Amino acid sequence: MDFNMKKLASDAGIFFTRAVQFTEEKFGQAEKTELDAHFESLLARADSTKNWTEKILRQTEVLLQPNPSARVEEFLYEKLDRKVPSRVTNGELLAQYMAEAASELGPTTPYGKTLIKVAEAEKHLGAAERDFIHTASINFLTPLRNFLEGDWKTISKERRLLQNRRLDLDASKARLKKAKAAEAKATCEGDTVPDFQETRPRNYILSASASALWNDEVDKAEQELRVAQTEFDRQAEVTRLLLEGISSTHVNHLRCLHEFIESQTTYYAQCYRHMLDLQKQLGRFPGTFVGTAEPASPPLSSTSPTTTAATMPMGPSVADLASPGEAALRLEEVAPPASGTRKARVLYDYEAADSSELALLADELITVYSLPGMDPDWLIGERGNKKGKVPVTYLELLS
């Protein structure tokens, strides 16, 4: 093994000199080279970018994976360069339990049929969540993590090197200052005219020799100062270029943020569609809503107002349009009144919650009318051969 003792001693000397300079600066016993205001602002912006990037990264990881144990496991797999195993989402696990419950409790019963449909919807929600986590991890978390583990480590390394160059520069300035002070003192002592009557004019000879030595020391200190100043300026320029690159980092993170919002919007839109489809499917199941072909609740005439309200999760149903003895009357059999029909313009799109309602498109014209005993917040709407309930708040009555 090639062990260079001279290099080791030189490195130890440099380290000791920097330590002494740093300590004296902390106690206010040495001068410190200050960076310009623009450079200081670049440093502050870089530190702020790093700190907030870490916080955003951690909180996004919590959003995508709330389970801390799972996050630790994924972190270990990444550090070991191993593929993270596929994990079942909470929605998919719930779907599995509901499907198994339906199979055991009876898939042909109203409860079993509903469990199967809800399980299917939860499975779709879990798959959508899985896609969102995967997309967000690639498009948002990975760029943030790459900045912290790549660019920021490079910036930190160059900043530490700049700090060392500054300590070397200030130590060289202090050494030159001391050498000049010693040289001036030796020069003053050497200017004294010697008494050559003395048998040993030793003091004059020693002063002249010391002055020459300090002249050499000043020349050496000035040379070291020039070298230190050059290295400091070069390192300051390298660090400045890296710090100015933070602006490009902001642009990249902005693009990643837009992609994250886009994937999040897609995820919630998929969830909304799946739940809307589930709501429509549940409206066609016997015993799910009041007014269906096979009501699971007792007839309206034998129930109290409290019981009736408890069995109406979706608001007014088709049964509201008929008398208590005609709860199963189909909407197609309801004839419009001889007078009282009006035209109405649709203000907003409306998705029908069940088969008793009429889907609406903004700006279309439909015919509407009301029936005796009907909820005042609803009307009967007709468009061609289609008929169904429509909410009044979505309409502008024309005539």
Protein backbone atom coordinates (compact mmCIF):
# COMPACT_ATOMS: atom_id res chain seq x y z
CA MET A 1 0.00 0.00 0.00
CA ASP A 2 1.40 3.40 -1.02
CA PHE A 3 1.32 5.45 2.15
CA ASN A 4 2.42 9.05 1.53
CA MET A 5 3.47 10.46 4.87
CA LYS A 6 4.22 13.90 3.48
CA LYS A 7 0.75 14.23 1.99
CA LEU A 8 -0.82 13.09 5.23
CA ALA A 9 1.14 15.66 7.19
CA SER A 10 0.24 18.37 4.68
CA ASP A 11 -3.49 17.52 4.85
CA ALA A 12 -3.34 17.51 8.64
CA GLY A 13 -1.69 20.91 8.61
CA ILE A 14 -4.33 22.35 6.28
CA PHE A 15 -7.11 20.92 8.45
CA PHE A 16 -5.55 22.38 11.58
CA THR A 17 -5.15 25.81 9.92
CA ARG A 18 -8.82 25.81 8.86
CA ALA A 19 -9.92 24.75 12.33
CA VAL A 20 -7.94 27.56 13.93
CA GLN A 21 -9.33 30.11 11.48
CA PHE A 22 -12.90 28.89 11.98
CA THR A 23 -12.56 28.99 15.78
CA GLU A 24 -11.08 32.50 15.77
CA GLU A 25 -13.92 33.70 13.54
CA LYS A 26 -16.48 32.30 15.94
CA PHE A 27 -14.86 34.18 18.83
CA GLY A 28 -14.49 37.36 16.78
CA GLN A 29 -10.70 37.23 16.81
CA ALA A 30 -10.22 36.94 13.03
CA GLU A 31 -11.59 38.68 9.97
CA LYS A 32 -13.97 36.84 7.66
CA THR A 33 -14.40 37.35 3.91
CA GLU A 34 -18.07 38.15 3.30
CA LEU A 35 -19.91 37.04 0.17
CA ASP A 36 -21.81 39.59 -1.89
CA ALA A 37 -25.54 40.17 -1.30
CA HIS A 38 -26.63 38.45 -4.53
CA PHE A 39 -24.65 35.33 -3.62
CA GLU A 40 -26.19 35.29 -0.15
CA SER A 41 -29.68 35.55 -1.67
CA LEU A 42 -28.91 32.60 -3.96
CA LEU A 43 -27.82 30.57 -0.93
CA ALA A 44 -30.97 31.47 1.00
CA ARG A 45 -33.22 30.54 -1.95
CA ALA A 46 -31.43 27.22 -2.40
CA ASP A 47 -31.83 26.36 1.29
CA SER A 48 -35.51 27.30 1.19
CA THR A 49 -36.06 25.20 -1.94
CA LYS A 50 -34.40 22.20 -0.31
CA ASN A 51 -36.37 22.50 2.95
CA TRP A 52 -39.77 22.88 1.28
CA THR A 53 -39.05 20.14 -1.24
CA GLU A 54 -38.36 17.75 1.64
CA LYS A 55 -41.61 18.70 3.38
CA ILE A 56 -43.70 18.40 0.20
CA LEU A 57 -42.09 15.06 -0.62
CA ARG A 58 -42.77 13.62 2.84
CA GLN A 59 -46.38 14.80 2.96
CA THR A 60 -47.11 13.55 -0.56
CA GLU A 61 -45.77 10.15 0.46
CA VAL A 62 -48.15 10.24 3.44
CA LEU A 63 -51.02 11.16 1.12
CA LEU A 64 -50.29 8.29 -1.25
CA GLN A 65 -49.46 5.77 1.48
CA PRO A 66 -50.86 6.66 4.94
CA ASN A 67 -49.45 3.47 6.51
CA PRO A 68 -46.00 4.34 7.99
CA SER A 69 -44.93 0.68 8.10
CA ALA A 70 -45.63 0.31 4.40
CA ARG A 71 -43.63 3.48 3.67
CA VAL A 72 -40.65 2.15 5.62
CA GLU A 73 -40.87 -1.14 3.75
CA GLU A 74 -40.93 0.62 0.38
CA PHE A 75 -37.97 2.79 1.44
CA LEU A 76 -35.92 -0.29 2.33
CA TYR A 77 -36.74 -1.97 -0.97
CA GLU A 78 -35.63 1.13 -2.86
CA LYS A 79 -32.35 1.37 -0.93
CA LEU A 80 -31.67 -2.31 -1.64
CA ASP A 81 -32.45 -1.76 -5.36
CA ARG A 82 -35.19 -4.37 -5.22
CA LYS A 83 -38.63 -4.20 -6.79
CA VAL A 84 -41.36 -3.13 -4.40
CA PRO A 85 -43.94 -5.96 -4.18
CA SER A 86 -47.46 -5.21 -5.34
CA ARG A 87 -49.73 -4.29 -2.45
CA VAL A 88 -53.53 -4.65 -2.35
CA THR A 89 -55.25 -1.30 -1.84
CA ASN A 90 -57.82 -0.76 0.89
CA GLY A 91 -60.61 -0.53 -1.68
CA GLU A 92 -59.63 -3.83 -3.28
CA LEU A 93 -59.44 -5.51 0.13
CA LEU A 94 -62.90 -4.21 1.03
CA ALA A 95 -64.21 -5.49 -2.31
CA GLN A 96 -62.79 -8.92 -1.54
CA TYR A 97 -64.48 -9.04 1.88
CA MET A 98 -67.83 -7.91 0.43
CA ALA A 99 -67.70 -10.51 -2.33
CA GLU A 100 -66.92 -13.26 0.18
CA ALA A 101 -69.72 -12.03 2.45
CA ALA A 102 -72.20 -12.08 -0.45
CA SER A 103 -71.16 -15.61 -1.36
CA GLU A 104 -71.69 -16.83 2.19
CA LEU A 105 -74.85 -14.85 3.02
CA GLY A 106 -76.56 -15.62 -0.26
CA PRO A 107 -75.81 -13.98 -3.62
CA THR A 108 -79.46 -14.14 -4.68
CA THR A 109 -80.83 -12.17 -1.73
CA PRO A 110 -81.26 -8.38 -2.01
CA TYR A 111 -78.45 -7.86 0.48
CA GLY A 112 -76.17 -10.30 -1.34
CA LYS A 113 -76.85 -8.74 -4.74
CA THR A 114 -76.10 -5.28 -3.34
CA LEU A 115 -72.88 -6.53 -1.73
CA ILE A 116 -71.74 -7.92 -5.07
CA LYS A 117 -72.41 -4.65 -6.90
CA VAL A 118 -70.74 -2.55 -4.21
CA ALA A 119 -67.75 -4.93 -4.18
CA GLU A 120 -67.36 -4.45 -7.91
CA ALA A 121 -67.42 -0.68 -7.50
CA GLU A 122 -64.90 -0.80 -4.65
CA LYS A 123 -62.65 -2.96 -6.80
CA HIS A 124 -62.74 -0.30 -9.52
CA LEU A 125 -62.00 2.39 -6.93
CA GLY A 126 -59.03 0.40 -5.65
CA ALA A 127 -57.68 -0.05 -9.18
CA ALA A 128 -58.07 3.69 -9.83
CA GLU A 129 -56.21 4.43 -6.59
CA ARG A 130 -53.41 2.07 -7.61
CA ASP A 131 -53.04 3.83 -10.98
CA PHE A 132 -53.03 7.24 -9.27
CA ILE A 133 -50.32 6.20 -6.78
CA HIS A 134 -48.18 4.77 -9.58
CA THR A 135 -48.56 7.84 -11.80
CA ALA A 136 -47.98 10.31 -8.97
CA SER A 137 -44.89 8.44 -7.82
CA ILE A 138 -43.31 8.55 -11.27
CA ASN A 139 -44.34 12.06 -12.35
CA PHE A 140 -44.07 13.89 -9.02
CA LEU A 141 -42.22 12.06 -6.25
CA THR A 142 -39.35 10.78 -8.40
CA PRO A 143 -38.29 14.25 -9.70
CA LEU A 144 -38.40 15.70 -6.17
CA ARG A 145 -36.38 12.79 -4.83
CA ASN A 146 -33.87 13.08 -7.68
CA PHE A 147 -33.32 16.74 -6.83
CA LEU A 148 -32.64 16.00 -3.16
CA GLU A 149 -30.42 13.00 -3.84
CA GLY A 150 -28.65 14.39 -6.91
CA ASP A 151 -28.57 18.12 -7.55
CA TRP A 152 -28.72 19.12 -3.91
CA LYS A 153 -25.88 16.80 -2.91
CA THR A 154 -23.74 18.36 -5.65
CA ILE A 155 -24.62 21.86 -4.45
CA SER A 156 -23.84 20.92 -0.83
CA LYS A 157 -20.48 19.45 -1.83
CA GLU A 158 -19.48 22.58 -3.75
CA ARG A 159 -20.64 24.80 -0.88
CA ARG A 160 -18.46 22.89 1.57
CA LEU A 161 -15.54 23.23 -0.82
CA LEU A 162 -16.21 26.97 -1.10
CA GLN A 163 -16.23 27.23 2.69
CA ASN A 164 -12.82 25.53 2.83
CA ARG A 165 -11.47 27.85 0.14
CA ARG A 166 -12.69 30.85 2.10
CA LEU A 167 -11.03 29.61 5.30
CA ASP A 168 -7.79 29.11 3.38
CA LEU A 169 -8.08 32.63 1.95
CA ASP A 170 -8.72 34.24 5.32
CA ALA A 171 -5.94 32.20 6.93
CA SER A 172 -3.57 33.43 4.19
CA LYS A 173 -4.64 37.02 4.82
CA ALA A 174 -4.02 36.62 8.55
CA ARG A 175 -0.61 35.03 7.91
CA LEU A 176 0.40 37.88 5.59
CA LYS A 177 -0.77 40.44 8.10
CA LYS A 178 1.32 38.87 10.87
CA ALA A 179 4.35 38.55 8.60
CA LYS A 180 4.18 42.23 7.63
CA ALA A 181 3.86 43.27 11.28
CA ALA A 182 6.90 41.17 12.23
CA GLU A 183 8.85 42.52 9.26
CA ALA A 184 8.11 46.10 10.25
CA LYS A 185 9.23 45.42 13.80
CA ALA A 186 12.44 43.77 12.64
CA THR A 187 13.11 46.65 10.27
CA CYS A 188 12.73 49.19 13.07
CA GLU A 189 15.20 47.27 15.22
CA GLY A 190 17.65 46.96 12.31
CA ASP A 191 17.66 50.73 11.68
CA THR A 192 19.51 51.31 14.98
CA VAL A 193 23.15 52.30 14.31
CA PRO A 194 25.42 49.77 15.96
CA ASP A 195 28.31 50.65 18.22
CA PHE A 196 31.27 49.06 16.46
CA GLN A 197 33.48 49.76 19.49
CA GLU A 198 31.72 46.81 21.04
CA THR A 199 33.57 43.58 20.74
CA ARG A 200 30.37 41.65 19.84
CA PRO A 201 27.73 43.71 17.92
CA ARG A 202 25.49 40.62 18.07
CA ASN A 203 22.13 42.42 18.35
CA TYR A 204 22.57 44.33 15.10
CA ILE A 205 23.58 41.23 13.20
CA LEU A 206 20.63 39.27 14.54
CA SER A 207 18.20 42.09 13.70
CA ALA A 208 19.47 42.30 10.13
CA SER A 209 19.17 38.53 9.77
CA ALA A 210 15.61 38.53 11.20
CA SER A 211 14.59 41.30 8.83
CA ALA A 212 15.78 39.28 5.86
CA LEU A 213 13.92 36.22 7.12
CA TRP A 214 10.70 38.15 7.54
CA ASN A 215 11.09 39.60 4.04
CA ASP A 216 11.14 36.06 2.72
CA GLU A 217 8.15 35.16 4.89
CA VAL A 218 6.16 38.13 3.52
CA ASP A 219 6.96 37.13 -0.07
CA LYS A 220 5.87 33.57 0.64
CA ALA A 221 2.65 34.73 2.36
CA GLU A 222 1.80 37.02 -0.57
CA GLN A 223 2.27 34.14 -3.00
CA GLU A 224 0.03 31.88 -0.91
CA LEU A 225 -2.56 34.64 -0.74
CA ARG A 226 -2.63 35.01 -4.53
CA VAL A 227 -3.09 31.26 -4.95
CA ALA A 228 -5.82 31.15 -2.28
CA GLN A 229 -7.64 34.11 -3.84
CA THR A 230 -7.58 32.46 -7.28
CA GLU A 231 -8.93 29.17 -5.94
CA PHE A 232 -11.61 30.95 -3.93
CA ASP A 233 -12.78 32.99 -6.94
CA ARG A 234 -12.90 29.89 -9.13
CA GLN A 235 -14.88 27.91 -6.55
CA ALA A 236 -17.24 30.83 -5.94
CA GLU A 237 -18.05 30.95 -9.67
CA VAL A 238 -18.73 27.20 -9.80
CA THR A 239 -21.02 27.42 -6.77
CA ARG A 240 -22.78 30.47 -8.16
CA LEU A 241 -23.62 28.65 -11.41
CA LEU A 242 -25.06 25.71 -9.47
CA LEU A 243 -27.16 28.01 -7.26
CA GLU A 244 -28.51 29.86 -10.28
CA GLY A 245 -29.62 26.47 -11.62
CA ILE A 246 -32.26 26.42 -8.86
CA SER A 247 -34.43 28.49 -11.22
CA SER A 248 -34.43 25.57 -13.67
CA THR A 249 -35.29 23.27 -10.78
CA HIS A 250 -38.34 25.42 -9.99
CA VAL A 251 -39.48 25.19 -13.62
CA ASN A 252 -39.10 21.41 -13.58
CA HIS A 253 -40.96 21.08 -10.28
CA LEU A 254 -43.74 23.30 -11.64
CA ARG A 255 -44.21 20.96 -14.60
CA CYS A 256 -44.24 17.96 -12.27
CA LEU A 257 -46.81 19.69 -10.06
CA HIS A 258 -49.12 20.19 -13.05
CA GLU A 259 -48.79 16.50 -13.91
CA PHE A 260 -49.58 15.55 -10.31
CA ILE A 261 -52.75 17.68 -10.32
CA GLU A 262 -53.77 16.20 -13.66
CA SER A 263 -53.39 12.64 -12.36
CA GLN A 264 -55.25 13.56 -9.17
CA THR A 265 -58.09 15.09 -11.20
CA THR A 266 -58.29 11.95 -13.34
CA TYR A 267 -58.39 9.78 -10.23
CA TYR A 268 -61.25 11.66 -8.59
CA ALA A 269 -63.16 11.81 -11.88
CA GLN A 270 -62.89 8.02 -12.17
CA CYS A 271 -64.09 7.61 -8.59
CA TYR A 272 -67.05 9.87 -9.29
CA ARG A 273 -68.03 7.89 -12.38
CA HIS A 274 -67.76 4.56 -10.58
CA MET A 275 -69.91 5.77 -7.67
CA LEU A 276 -72.46 7.28 -10.05
CA ASP A 277 -72.73 3.98 -11.92
CA LEU A 278 -73.10 2.16 -8.60
CA GLN A 279 -75.85 4.53 -7.54
CA LYS A 280 -77.75 3.87 -10.77
CA GLN A 281 -77.32 0.11 -10.40
CA LEU A 282 -78.54 0.11 -6.81
CA GLY A 283 -81.67 1.96 -7.94
CA ARG A 284 -82.66 -1.11 -9.98
CA PHE A 285 -82.31 -3.61 -7.13
CA PRO A 286 -85.41 -4.85 -5.29
CA GLY A 287 -85.62 -3.56 -1.75
CA THR A 288 -82.96 -0.90 -2.22
CA PHE A 289 -85.18 2.11 -2.82
CA VAL A 290 -88.80 2.88 -2.09
CA GLY A 291 -91.11 2.55 -5.12
CA THR A 292 -89.34 -0.38 -6.80
CA ALA A 293 -91.15 -3.41 -8.13
CA GLU A 294 -90.46 -5.53 -5.00
CA PRO A 295 -90.56 -3.21 -2.00
CA ALA A 296 -88.71 -4.66 0.99
CA SER A 297 -90.31 -2.20 3.42
CA PRO A 298 -93.95 -2.44 4.55
CA PRO A 299 -96.63 -0.65 2.48
CA LEU A 300 -96.69 3.10 2.89
CA SER A 301 -100.17 2.99 4.42
CA SER A 302 -98.94 0.91 7.37
CA THR A 303 -95.74 2.77 8.14
CA SER A 304 -95.20 5.77 10.31
CA PRO A 305 -93.62 8.98 8.91
CA THR A 306 -90.38 8.12 10.72
CA THR A 307 -90.17 4.66 9.14
CA THR A 308 -90.96 6.06 5.70
CA ALA A 309 -88.22 8.68 5.98
CA ALA A 310 -85.70 6.06 7.04
CA THR A 311 -86.35 3.98 3.91
CA MET A 312 -85.94 6.86 1.45
CA PRO A 313 -82.18 7.47 0.98
CA MET A 314 -82.53 8.90 -2.51
CA GLY A 315 -85.23 11.54 -1.96
CA PRO A 316 -88.57 11.52 -3.90
CA SER A 317 -89.17 8.35 -5.87
CA VAL A 318 -91.74 7.21 -8.38
CA ALA A 319 -94.04 6.16 -5.56
CA ASP A 320 -94.41 9.80 -4.53
CA LEU A 321 -96.36 10.40 -7.73
CA ALA A 322 -99.09 7.90 -6.86
CA SER A 323 -101.55 7.38 -4.04
CA PRO A 324 -100.61 5.06 -1.14
CA GLY A 325 -102.51 2.24 -2.74
CA GLU A 326 -100.69 2.63 -6.04
CA ALA A 327 -97.07 2.69 -4.89
CA ALA A 328 -95.95 0.38 -7.67
CA LEU A 329 -97.40 2.52 -10.47
CA ARG A 330 -94.91 2.97 -13.29
CA LEU A 331 -94.01 6.49 -14.44
CA GLU A 332 -94.90 5.68 -18.05
CA GLU A 333 -98.52 5.18 -16.98
CA VAL A 334 -98.79 8.72 -15.55
CA ALA A 335 -100.60 10.94 -18.02
CA PRO A 336 -99.90 14.71 -18.16
CA PRO A 337 -102.71 16.99 -16.97
CA ALA A 338 -105.03 18.53 -19.52
CA SER A 339 -103.66 21.99 -18.65
CA GLY A 340 -100.74 23.32 -16.69
CA THR A 341 -97.83 22.06 -18.81
CA ARG A 342 -94.99 24.53 -19.36
CA LYS A 343 -91.78 24.81 -21.32
CA ALA A 344 -88.51 24.99 -19.41
CA ARG A 345 -84.88 25.52 -20.36
CA VAL A 346 -82.28 23.35 -18.65
CA LEU A 347 -79.61 25.38 -16.85
CA TYR A 348 -77.09 22.64 -16.06
CA ASP A 349 -76.34 19.05 -17.00
CA TYR A 350 -78.00 16.55 -14.67
CA GLU A 351 -77.29 12.83 -14.29
CA ALA A 352 -80.34 10.76 -13.44
CA ALA A 353 -79.90 9.02 -10.07
CA ASP A 354 -82.30 6.17 -10.96
CA SER A 355 -84.76 5.06 -13.62
CA SER A 356 -87.51 7.35 -12.29
CA GLU A 357 -85.50 10.49 -13.15
CA LEU A 358 -84.79 12.15 -16.49
CA ALA A 359 -81.21 13.00 -17.46
CA LEU A 360 -80.81 16.60 -18.62
CA LEU A 361 -78.44 18.49 -20.90
CA ALA A 362 -77.74 22.18 -20.49
CA ASP A 363 -79.72 24.57 -22.74
CA GLU A 364 -82.19 21.97 -23.98
CA LEU A 365 -85.96 22.64 -23.87
CA ILE A 366 -88.34 20.20 -22.19
CA THR A 367 -91.98 20.12 -21.18
CA VAL A 368 -92.67 20.07 -17.45
CA TYR A 369 -95.72 19.77 -15.20
CA SER A 370 -96.59 18.91 -11.64
CA LEU A 371 -98.99 16.42 -10.09
CA PRO A 372 -101.10 16.77 -6.93
CA GLY A 373 -99.20 15.86 -3.76
CA MET A 374 -95.83 15.93 -5.53
CA ASP A 375 -92.70 17.28 -3.84
CA PRO A 376 -92.48 21.01 -4.79
CA ASP A 377 -88.74 20.63 -5.48
CA TRP A 378 -89.46 18.24 -8.35
CA LEU A 379 -91.44 18.30 -11.61
CA ILE A 380 -92.29 15.76 -14.25
CA GLY A 381 -90.24 16.38 -17.41
CA GLU A 382 -90.92 15.08 -20.92
CA ARG A 383 -88.58 15.01 -23.87
CA GLY A 384 -89.97 13.12 -26.84
CA ASN A 385 -91.07 9.72 -25.61
CA LYS A 386 -88.92 9.93 -22.48
CA LYS A 387 -90.39 10.96 -19.17
CA GLY A 388 -89.02 11.33 -15.65
CA LYS A 389 -88.65 13.49 -12.60
CA VAL A 390 -86.43 16.58 -12.83
CA PRO A 391 -85.21 18.95 -10.08
CA VAL A 392 -86.69 22.46 -10.22
CA THR A 393 -83.32 24.07 -9.40
CA TYR A 394 -81.92 22.89 -12.73
CA LEU A 395 -84.69 24.58 -14.76
CA GLU A 396 -85.70 28.00 -15.98
CA LEU A 397 -89.46 28.05 -16.56
CA LEU A 398 -90.36 29.87 -19.76
CA SER A 399 -94.15 29.78 -20.13
